[in-house]
């Protein structure tokens, strides 16, 4: 299968020995996630999973952020023609597919986090097989601040990896974790210097890509097969609740307050720069 060319929110490369690099490519928007990105992300993962040319997949981002999470915008009138419920069904379908692709991805998938990561970017990478990051990266899931809920199976995967107390600090209290803290709790495998980060990651990915591919698939299946259905059930449950939360007055108020605070911060930054 040839590399898909219609996924303009991603930069996809197939390197020697079968290493596919799928990079978020909206650096001016801090790689924020919108329906188009979710849709293309799912299709990129599907291509990598099915292509015989791909042995190992590396997920990363271009620019300052790995991804800044959900892009908080007001839907335009054309999107709202079928009503809010229909709009959410369409959008959540793309998100469900990304999580499903990650749960069932049959090959080694590595998250190479080159900068801060927020929200769905954090929860989804926990479904990858290995996470590498730079020392400056931070991990944050501000779901309670926005009136949302856990997503991408994080309600079960986070406590399993991080331990209950740390997972609750992240999911329920919105604490921002450093790369070093995430390595200590087992979410991150290794931290590499920014200057050589992708070189180090690709060196490891290339070495793994040289292993017999069916052995890799079979062993990953042994690790993950027994929980496919369980994780997909969790994913579906989380998405149903997320839809209810996003449609609530409580969440709408929280998002409005969040965006107003963000606007105020930007205005203060402009004023500070103007005084220089």
C-alpha atoms as a PDB file:
ATOM      1  CA  UNK A   1       0.000   0.000   0.000  1.00  0.00           C
ATOM      2  CA  UNK A   2       1.347   3.404  -0.989  1.00  0.00           C
ATOM      3  CA  UNK A   3       1.570   6.273   1.522  1.00  0.00           C
ATOM      4  CA  UNK A   4      -1.760   8.163   1.640  1.00  0.00           C
ATOM      5  CA  UNK A   5      -1.415  11.617   0.105  1.00  0.00           C
ATOM      6  CA  UNK A   6      -4.745  13.149   1.147  1.00  0.00           C
ATOM      7  CA  UNK A   7      -3.980  13.514   4.861  1.00  0.00           C
ATOM      8  CA  UNK A   8      -2.867  17.142   4.934  1.00  0.00           C
ATOM      9  CA  UNK A   9      -2.897  17.524   8.730  1.00  0.00           C
ATOM     10  CA  UNK A  10      -0.143  14.905   8.951  1.00  0.00           C
ATOM     11  CA  UNK A  11       3.336  14.466   7.524  1.00  0.00           C
ATOM     12  CA  UNK A  12       3.851  10.767   6.779  1.00  0.00           C
ATOM     13  CA  UNK A  13       7.172   9.235   5.809  1.00  0.00           C
ATOM     14  CA  UNK A  14       8.208   5.647   5.198  1.00  0.00           C
ATOM     15  CA  UNK A  15      11.869   5.229   6.094  1.00  0.00           C
ATOM     16  CA  UNK A  16      14.238   2.349   5.264  1.00  0.00           C
ATOM     17  CA  UNK A  17      13.585  -1.015   6.948  1.00  0.00           C
ATOM     18  CA  UNK A  18       9.868  -0.262   7.242  1.00  0.00           C
ATOM     19  CA  UNK A  19       9.754   2.521   9.850  1.00  0.00           C
ATOM     20  CA  UNK A  20       6.691   4.713   9.267  1.00  0.00           C
ATOM     21  CA  UNK A  21       6.740   8.166  10.864  1.00  0.00           C
ATOM     22  CA  UNK A  22       3.304   9.753  11.303  1.00  0.00           C
ATOM     23  CA  UNK A  23       3.690  13.361  12.469  1.00  0.00           C
ATOM     24  CA  UNK A  24       1.010  15.863  13.466  1.00  0.00           C
ATOM     25  CA  UNK A  25       1.533  18.736  11.056  1.00  0.00           C
ATOM     26  CA  UNK A  26      -0.362  21.785  12.331  1.00  0.00           C
ATOM     27  CA  UNK A  27       2.514  23.508  14.164  1.00  0.00           C
ATOM     28  CA  UNK A  28       0.950  26.984  13.971  1.00  0.00           C
ATOM     29  CA  UNK A  29      -2.089  25.560  15.801  1.00  0.00           C
ATOM     30  CA  UNK A  30       0.131  23.618  18.234  1.00  0.00           C
ATOM     31  CA  UNK A  31      -1.114  20.440  16.531  1.00  0.00           C
ATOM     32  CA  UNK A  32      -4.578  20.935  18.030  1.00  0.00           C
ATOM     33  CA  UNK A  33      -7.122  18.200  17.339  1.00  0.00           C
ATOM     34  CA  UNK A  34     -10.311  18.824  15.368  1.00  0.00           C
ATOM     35  CA  UNK A  35     -12.652  16.460  13.467  1.00  0.00           C
ATOM     36  CA  UNK A  36     -10.470  16.587  10.342  1.00  0.00           C
ATOM     37  CA  UNK A  37      -7.363  15.626  12.338  1.00  0.00           C
ATOM     38  CA  UNK A  38      -9.146  12.774  14.128  1.00  0.00           C
ATOM     39  CA  UNK A  39     -10.465  11.462  10.812  1.00  0.00           C
ATOM     40  CA  UNK A  40      -7.056  11.601   9.121  1.00  0.00           C
ATOM     41  CA  UNK A  41      -5.301  10.176  12.174  1.00  0.00           C
ATOM     42  CA  UNK A  42      -7.530   7.121  12.097  1.00  0.00           C
ATOM     43  CA  UNK A  43      -6.910   6.647   8.383  1.00  0.00           C
ATOM     44  CA  UNK A  44      -3.147   7.058   8.816  1.00  0.00           C
ATOM     45  CA  UNK A  45      -3.108   4.374  11.517  1.00  0.00           C
ATOM     46  CA  UNK A  46      -5.240   2.082   9.373  1.00  0.00           C
ATOM     47  CA  UNK A  47      -2.772   2.446   6.493  1.00  0.00           C
ATOM     48  CA  UNK A  48       0.211   1.714   8.748  1.00  0.00           C
ATOM     49  CA  UNK A  49      -1.521  -1.314  10.228  1.00  0.00           C
ATOM     50  CA  UNK A  50      -2.404  -2.835   6.847  1.00  0.00           C
ATOM     51  CA  UNK A  51       0.647  -1.936   4.751  1.00  0.00           C
ATOM     52  CA  UNK A  52       3.141  -4.773   4.340  1.00  0.00           C
ATOM     53  CA  UNK A  53       5.840  -2.118   3.903  1.00  0.00           C
ATOM     54  CA  UNK A  54       5.395  -0.906   7.493  1.00  0.00           C
ATOM     55  CA  UNK A  55       7.002  -2.848  10.334  1.00  0.00           C
ATOM     56  CA  UNK A  56       7.202  -0.192  13.054  1.00  0.00           C
ATOM     57  CA  UNK A  57       5.197   3.011  13.450  1.00  0.00           C
ATOM     58  CA  UNK A  58       6.462   6.181  15.157  1.00  0.00           C
ATOM     59  CA  UNK A  59       3.898   8.812  16.149  1.00  0.00           C
ATOM     60  CA  UNK A  60       5.277  12.312  16.711  1.00  0.00           C
ATOM     61  CA  UNK A  61       4.570  15.994  16.052  1.00  0.00           C
ATOM     62  CA  UNK A  62       6.111  18.909  14.186  1.00  0.00           C
ATOM     63  CA  UNK A  63       6.686  22.142  16.051  1.00  0.00           C
ATOM     64  CA  UNK A  64       6.618  23.129  19.712  1.00  0.00           C
ATOM     65  CA  UNK A  65       3.837  20.766  20.840  1.00  0.00           C
ATOM     66  CA  UNK A  66       3.265  17.053  20.305  1.00  0.00           C
ATOM     67  CA  UNK A  67      -0.391  18.055  20.396  1.00  0.00           C
ATOM     68  CA  UNK A  68      -2.225  20.667  22.453  1.00  0.00           C
ATOM     69  CA  UNK A  69      -5.332  18.487  22.575  1.00  0.00           C
ATOM     70  CA  UNK A  70      -8.876  19.336  21.582  1.00  0.00           C
ATOM     71  CA  UNK A  71      -9.288  22.520  19.545  1.00  0.00           C
ATOM     72  CA  UNK A  72     -11.975  24.468  21.397  1.00  0.00           C
ATOM     73  CA  UNK A  73     -14.021  26.242  18.738  1.00  0.00           C
ATOM     74  CA  UNK A  74     -17.688  26.987  18.137  1.00  0.00           C
ATOM     75  CA  UNK A  75     -19.108  24.805  15.293  1.00  0.00           C
ATOM     76  CA  UNK A  76     -20.172  26.765  12.196  1.00  0.00           C
ATOM     77  CA  UNK A  77     -23.779  26.814  11.001  1.00  0.00           C
ATOM     78  CA  UNK A  78     -23.255  24.150   8.312  1.00  0.00           C
ATOM     79  CA  UNK A  79     -21.998  21.670  10.938  1.00  0.00           C
ATOM     80  CA  UNK A  80     -25.051  22.323  13.119  1.00  0.00           C
ATOM     81  CA  UNK A  81     -27.641  21.584  10.415  1.00  0.00           C
ATOM     82  CA  UNK A  82     -28.436  18.145  11.849  1.00  0.00           C
ATOM     83  CA  UNK A  83     -28.431  19.380  15.425  1.00  0.00           C
ATOM     84  CA  UNK A  84     -25.923  19.100  18.267  1.00  0.00           C
ATOM     85  CA  UNK A  85     -26.559  15.395  18.851  1.00  0.00           C
ATOM     86  CA  UNK A  86     -25.912  14.492  15.207  1.00  0.00           C
ATOM     87  CA  UNK A  87     -22.788  16.657  15.160  1.00  0.00           C
ATOM     88  CA  UNK A  88     -21.400  14.891  18.218  1.00  0.00           C
ATOM     89  CA  UNK A  89     -22.130  11.441  16.747  1.00  0.00           C
ATOM     90  CA  UNK A  90     -20.149  12.327  13.636  1.00  0.00           C
ATOM     91  CA  UNK A  91     -17.222  13.805  15.555  1.00  0.00           C
ATOM     92  CA  UNK A  92     -17.133  11.048  18.167  1.00  0.00           C
ATOM     93  CA  UNK A  93     -17.076   8.440  15.397  1.00  0.00           C
ATOM     94  CA  UNK A  94     -13.688   9.744  14.266  1.00  0.00           C
ATOM     95  CA  UNK A  95     -12.348   9.728  17.831  1.00  0.00           C
ATOM     96  CA  UNK A  96     -13.678   6.237  18.521  1.00  0.00           C
ATOM     97  CA  UNK A  97     -11.904   5.006  15.416  1.00  0.00           C
ATOM     98  CA  UNK A  98      -8.536   6.487  16.477  1.00  0.00           C
ATOM     99  CA  UNK A  99      -8.762   4.745  19.852  1.00  0.00           C
ATOM    100  CA  UNK A 100      -9.903   1.504  18.225  1.00  0.00           C
ATOM    101  CA  UNK A 101      -6.988   1.620  15.794  1.00  0.00           C
ATOM    102  CA  UNK A 102      -4.549   2.164  18.674  1.00  0.00           C
ATOM    103  CA  UNK A 103      -6.061  -0.645  20.747  1.00  0.00           C
ATOM    104  CA  UNK A 104      -5.837  -3.136  17.888  1.00  0.00           C
ATOM    105  CA  UNK A 105      -2.681  -1.869  16.177  1.00  0.00           C
ATOM    106  CA  UNK A 106      -0.882  -5.115  15.269  1.00  0.00           C
ATOM    107  CA  UNK A 107       2.677  -3.784  15.047  1.00  0.00           C
ATOM    108  CA  UNK A 108       5.055  -1.969  17.361  1.00  0.00           C
ATOM    109  CA  UNK A 109       3.902   1.639  17.758  1.00  0.00           C
ATOM    110  CA  UNK A 110       6.151   4.190  19.458  1.00  0.00           C
ATOM    111  CA  UNK A 111       5.081   7.636  20.668  1.00  0.00           C
ATOM    112  CA  UNK A 112       7.946  10.121  20.249  1.00  0.00           C
ATOM    113  CA  UNK A 113       6.820  13.112  22.300  1.00  0.00           C
ATOM    114  CA  UNK A 114       8.973  16.091  21.312  1.00  0.00           C
ATOM    115  CA  UNK A 115       7.132  18.733  23.349  1.00  0.00           C
ATOM    116  CA  UNK A 116       4.198  19.420  25.676  1.00  0.00           C
ATOM    117  CA  UNK A 117       1.182  17.153  25.256  1.00  0.00           C
ATOM    118  CA  UNK A 118      -2.343  17.862  26.460  1.00  0.00           C
ATOM    119  CA  UNK A 119      -5.651  16.010  26.771  1.00  0.00           C
ATOM    120  CA  UNK A 120      -6.348  13.322  24.185  1.00  0.00           C
ATOM    121  CA  UNK A 121      -2.691  13.458  23.182  1.00  0.00           C
ATOM    122  CA  UNK A 122      -1.773  12.132  26.635  1.00  0.00           C
ATOM    123  CA  UNK A 123      -4.533   9.556  26.930  1.00  0.00           C
ATOM    124  CA  UNK A 124      -4.089   8.139  23.430  1.00  0.00           C
ATOM    125  CA  UNK A 125      -0.317   7.723  23.677  1.00  0.00           C
ATOM    126  CA  UNK A 126      -0.828   5.558  26.767  1.00  0.00           C
ATOM    127  CA  UNK A 127      -2.201   2.990  24.288  1.00  0.00           C
ATOM    128  CA  UNK A 128       1.095   2.982  22.368  1.00  0.00           C
ATOM    129  CA  UNK A 129       3.628   0.241  23.107  1.00  0.00           C
ATOM    130  CA  UNK A 130       6.518   2.535  24.040  1.00  0.00           C
ATOM    131  CA  UNK A 131       6.748   6.240  24.877  1.00  0.00           C
ATOM    132  CA  UNK A 132       9.946   8.273  24.500  1.00  0.00           C
ATOM    133  CA  UNK A 133      10.137  11.967  25.251  1.00  0.00           C
ATOM    134  CA  UNK A 134      12.374  15.015  25.626  1.00  0.00           C
ATOM    135  CA  UNK A 135      13.289  16.395  29.080  1.00  0.00           C
ATOM    136  CA  UNK A 136      11.177  19.556  28.595  1.00  0.00           C
ATOM    137  CA  UNK A 137       7.911  17.766  27.750  1.00  0.00           C
ATOM    138  CA  UNK A 138       4.925  18.100  30.070  1.00  0.00           C
ATOM    139  CA  UNK A 139       1.774  15.960  30.313  1.00  0.00           C
ATOM    140  CA  UNK A 140      -1.579  17.465  31.215  1.00  0.00           C
ATOM    141  CA  UNK A 141      -5.228  16.350  31.056  1.00  0.00           C
ATOM    142  CA  UNK A 142      -7.431  19.345  32.051  1.00  0.00           C
ATOM    143  CA  UNK A 143     -10.671  17.357  31.765  1.00  0.00           C
ATOM    144  CA  UNK A 144     -12.199  18.526  35.060  1.00  0.00           C
ATOM    145  CA  UNK A 145     -11.359  22.142  34.258  1.00  0.00           C
ATOM    146  CA  UNK A 146     -13.416  21.831  31.066  1.00  0.00           C
ATOM    147  CA  UNK A 147     -16.212  19.744  32.569  1.00  0.00           C
ATOM    148  CA  UNK A 148     -15.249  16.690  30.472  1.00  0.00           C
ATOM    149  CA  UNK A 149     -14.376  13.159  31.615  1.00  0.00           C
ATOM    150  CA  UNK A 150     -11.678  10.530  31.057  1.00  0.00           C
ATOM    151  CA  UNK A 151     -11.234   9.329  27.458  1.00  0.00           C
ATOM    152  CA  UNK A 152      -9.217   6.928  25.271  1.00  0.00           C
ATOM    153  CA  UNK A 153      -9.465   4.213  27.956  1.00  0.00           C
ATOM    154  CA  UNK A 154      -7.494   6.368  30.405  1.00  0.00           C
ATOM    155  CA  UNK A 155      -9.971   5.540  33.180  1.00  0.00           C
ATOM    156  CA  UNK A 156      -8.470   2.036  33.295  1.00  0.00           C
ATOM    157  CA  UNK A 157      -5.080   2.391  31.548  1.00  0.00           C
ATOM    158  CA  UNK A 158      -3.752   5.280  33.663  1.00  0.00           C
ATOM    159  CA  UNK A 159      -4.282   3.627  37.078  1.00  0.00           C
ATOM    160  CA  UNK A 160      -2.779   0.411  35.703  1.00  0.00           C
ATOM    161  CA  UNK A 161       0.391   2.163  34.496  1.00  0.00           C
ATOM    162  CA  UNK A 162       0.805   5.051  36.958  1.00  0.00           C
ATOM    163  CA  UNK A 163      -0.857   3.704  40.066  1.00  0.00           C
ATOM    164  CA  UNK A 164      -4.196   4.879  41.415  1.00  0.00           C
ATOM    165  CA  UNK A 165      -3.026   7.976  43.299  1.00  0.00           C
ATOM    166  CA  UNK A 166      -0.960   9.505  40.467  1.00  0.00           C
ATOM    167  CA  UNK A 167      -3.650   8.665  37.907  1.00  0.00           C
ATOM    168  CA  UNK A 168      -6.247  10.435  40.037  1.00  0.00           C
ATOM    169  CA  UNK A 169      -3.984  13.471  40.360  1.00  0.00           C
ATOM    170  CA  UNK A 170      -3.852  13.647  36.577  1.00  0.00           C
ATOM    171  CA  UNK A 171      -7.447  12.776  35.681  1.00  0.00           C
ATOM    172  CA  UNK A 172      -9.371  14.247  38.627  1.00  0.00           C
ATOM    173  CA  UNK A 173      -7.123  17.084  39.760  1.00  0.00           C
ATOM    174  CA  UNK A 174      -5.593  18.177  36.447  1.00  0.00           C
ATOM    175  CA  UNK A 175      -2.028  18.090  37.722  1.00  0.00           C
ATOM    176  CA  UNK A 176       0.616  18.706  35.062  1.00  0.00           C
ATOM    177  CA  UNK A 177       3.345  16.040  35.129  1.00  0.00           C
ATOM    178  CA  UNK A 178       6.930  16.460  33.969  1.00  0.00           C
ATOM    179  CA  UNK A 179       8.726  14.032  31.671  1.00  0.00           C
ATOM    180  CA  UNK A 180      10.850  12.906  34.605  1.00  0.00           C
ATOM    181  CA  UNK A 181       7.770  12.141  36.729  1.00  0.00           C
ATOM    182  CA  UNK A 182       6.188  10.199  33.868  1.00  0.00           C
ATOM    183  CA  UNK A 183       9.346   8.163  33.451  1.00  0.00           C
ATOM    184  CA  UNK A 184       9.453   7.422  37.166  1.00  0.00           C
ATOM    185  CA  UNK A 185       5.858   6.161  37.231  1.00  0.00           C
ATOM    186  CA  UNK A 186       6.354   3.945  34.177  1.00  0.00           C
ATOM    187  CA  UNK A 187       4.404   5.837  31.522  1.00  0.00           C
ATOM    188  CA  UNK A 188       7.580   6.947  29.701  1.00  0.00           C
ATOM    189  CA  UNK A 189      10.281   4.412  28.811  1.00  0.00           C
ATOM    190  CA  UNK A 190      13.202   6.787  28.276  1.00  0.00           C
ATOM    191  CA  UNK A 191      14.075  10.463  27.979  1.00  0.00           C
ATOM    192  CA  UNK A 192      16.485  11.622  25.275  1.00  0.00           C
ATOM    193  CA  UNK A 193      18.088  15.080  24.790  1.00  0.00           C
ATOM    194  CA  UNK A 194      16.155  17.354  22.430  1.00  0.00           C
ATOM    195  CA  UNK A 195      19.179  17.798  20.156  1.00  0.00           C
ATOM    196  CA  UNK A 196      19.378  14.082  19.314  1.00  0.00           C
ATOM    197  CA  UNK A 197      15.830  13.041  20.173  1.00  0.00           C
ATOM    198  CA  UNK A 198      14.476  11.828  16.822  1.00  0.00           C
ATOM    199  CA  UNK A 199      17.817  10.296  15.876  1.00  0.00           C
ATOM    200  CA  UNK A 200      17.731   8.198  19.058  1.00  0.00           C
ATOM    201  CA  UNK A 201      14.092   7.203  18.569  1.00  0.00           C
ATOM    202  CA  UNK A 202      14.563   6.273  14.919  1.00  0.00           C
ATOM    203  CA  UNK A 203      17.687   4.279  15.748  1.00  0.00           C
ATOM    204  CA  UNK A 204      15.668   2.165  18.194  1.00  0.00           C
ATOM    205  CA  UNK A 205      12.696   1.906  15.827  1.00  0.00           C
ATOM    206  CA  UNK A 206      14.944   0.792  12.957  1.00  0.00           C
ATOM    207  CA  UNK A 207      16.593  -1.870  15.108  1.00  0.00           C
ATOM    208  CA  UNK A 208      13.157  -3.230  16.068  1.00  0.00           C
ATOM    209  CA  UNK A 209      11.992  -3.119  12.439  1.00  0.00           C
ATOM    210  CA  UNK A 210      14.772  -5.554  11.514  1.00  0.00           C
ATOM    211  CA  UNK A 211      13.312  -8.279  13.737  1.00  0.00           C
ATOM    212  CA  UNK A 212      11.143 -10.998  12.111  1.00  0.00           C
ATOM    213  CA  UNK A 213       7.807  -9.175  11.636  1.00  0.00           C
ATOM    214  CA  UNK A 214       5.505 -12.092  12.403  1.00  0.00           C
ATOM    215  CA  UNK A 215       7.304 -12.729  15.690  1.00  0.00           C
ATOM    216  CA  UNK A 216       6.649  -9.094  16.606  1.00  0.00           C
ATOM    217  CA  UNK A 217       2.956  -9.363  15.678  1.00  0.00           C
ATOM    218  CA  UNK A 218       2.478 -12.657  17.509  1.00  0.00           C
ATOM    219  CA  UNK A 219       4.135 -11.420  20.688  1.00  0.00           C
ATOM    220  CA  UNK A 220       2.180  -8.163  20.670  1.00  0.00           C
ATOM    221  CA  UNK A 221      -1.007 -10.185  20.237  1.00  0.00           C
ATOM    222  CA  UNK A 222      -0.087 -12.232  23.322  1.00  0.00           C
ATOM    223  CA  UNK A 223       0.325  -9.000  25.269  1.00  0.00           C
ATOM    224  CA  UNK A 224      -2.847  -7.263  24.067  1.00  0.00           C
ATOM    225  CA  UNK A 225      -5.302  -9.863  22.632  1.00  0.00           C
ATOM    226  CA  UNK A 226      -6.981 -10.723  25.926  1.00  0.00           C
ATOM    227  CA  UNK A 227      -8.117  -7.146  26.524  1.00  0.00           C
ATOM    228  CA  UNK A 228      -9.235  -5.950  23.070  1.00  0.00           C
ATOM    229  CA  UNK A 229     -12.945  -6.285  23.805  1.00  0.00           C
ATOM    230  CA  UNK A 230     -12.605  -4.915  27.331  1.00  0.00           C
ATOM    231  CA  UNK A 231     -10.765  -1.787  26.168  1.00  0.00           C
ATOM    232  CA  UNK A 232     -13.230  -1.206  23.332  1.00  0.00           C
ATOM    233  CA  UNK A 233     -16.085  -1.445  25.824  1.00  0.00           C
ATOM    234  CA  UNK A 234     -14.345   1.092  28.063  1.00  0.00           C
ATOM    235  CA  UNK A 235     -13.733   3.339  25.044  1.00  0.00           C
ATOM    236  CA  UNK A 236     -17.414   3.252  24.071  1.00  0.00           C
ATOM    237  CA  UNK A 237     -18.551   3.949  27.625  1.00  0.00           C
ATOM    238  CA  UNK A 238     -16.189   6.883  27.997  1.00  0.00           C
ATOM    239  CA  UNK A 239     -17.306   8.399  24.692  1.00  0.00           C
ATOM    240  CA  UNK A 240     -20.985   8.154  25.627  1.00  0.00           C
ATOM    241  CA  UNK A 241     -20.327   9.910  28.919  1.00  0.00           C
ATOM    242  CA  UNK A 242     -18.065  12.471  27.211  1.00  0.00           C
ATOM    243  CA  UNK A 243     -20.911  13.347  24.860  1.00  0.00           C
ATOM    244  CA  UNK A 244     -23.227  13.882  27.797  1.00  0.00           C
ATOM    245  CA  UNK A 245     -20.624  15.982  29.570  1.00  0.00           C
ATOM    246  CA  UNK A 246     -19.906  18.150  26.512  1.00  0.00           C
ATOM    247  CA  UNK A 247     -23.639  18.773  26.035  1.00  0.00           C
ATOM    248  CA  UNK A 248     -24.100  19.844  29.661  1.00  0.00           C
ATOM    249  CA  UNK A 249     -24.558  23.437  30.829  1.00  0.00           C
ATOM    250  CA  UNK A 250     -21.792  22.817  33.370  1.00  0.00           C
ATOM    251  CA  UNK A 251     -19.258  22.019  30.656  1.00  0.00           C
ATOM    252  CA  UNK A 252     -20.396  24.900  28.450  1.00  0.00           C
ATOM    253  CA  UNK A 253     -19.837  27.312  31.339  1.00  0.00           C
ATOM    254  CA  UNK A 254     -16.453  25.769  32.145  1.00  0.00           C
ATOM    255  CA  UNK A 255     -15.308  26.045  28.516  1.00  0.00           C
ATOM    256  CA  UNK A 256     -16.467  29.666  28.328  1.00  0.00           C
ATOM    257  CA  UNK A 257     -14.532  30.528  31.494  1.00  0.00           C
ATOM    258  CA  UNK A 258     -11.470  28.690  30.178  1.00  0.00           C
ATOM    259  CA  UNK A 259     -11.526  30.545  26.857  1.00  0.00           C
ATOM    260  CA  UNK A 260     -12.090  33.917  28.544  1.00  0.00           C
ATOM    261  CA  UNK A 261      -9.138  33.299  30.862  1.00  0.00           C
ATOM    262  CA  UNK A 262      -7.025  32.310  27.866  1.00  0.00           C
ATOM    263  CA  UNK A 263      -8.019  35.502  26.025  1.00  0.00           C
ATOM    264  CA  UNK A 264      -7.162  37.610  29.064  1.00  0.00           C
ATOM    265  CA  UNK A 265      -3.726  35.978  29.309  1.00  0.00           C
ATOM    266  CA  UNK A 266      -3.023  36.739  25.655  1.00  0.00           C
ATOM    267  CA  UNK A 267      -4.082  40.356  26.078  1.00  0.00           C
ATOM    268  CA  UNK A 268      -1.771  40.744  29.077  1.00  0.00           C
ATOM    269  CA  UNK A 269       1.078  39.212  27.093  1.00  0.00           C
ATOM    270  CA  UNK A 270       0.459  41.707  24.267  1.00  0.00           C
ATOM    271  CA  UNK A 271       0.448  44.599  26.717  1.00  0.00           C
ATOM    272  CA  UNK A 272       3.694  43.375  28.291  1.00  0.00           C
ATOM    273  CA  UNK A 273       5.376  43.089  24.877  1.00  0.00           C
ATOM    274  CA  UNK A 274       4.169  46.560  23.875  1.00  0.00           C
ATOM    275  CA  UNK A 275       5.875  48.063  26.932  1.00  0.00           C
ATOM    276  CA  UNK A 276       9.248  46.562  25.979  1.00  0.00           C
END
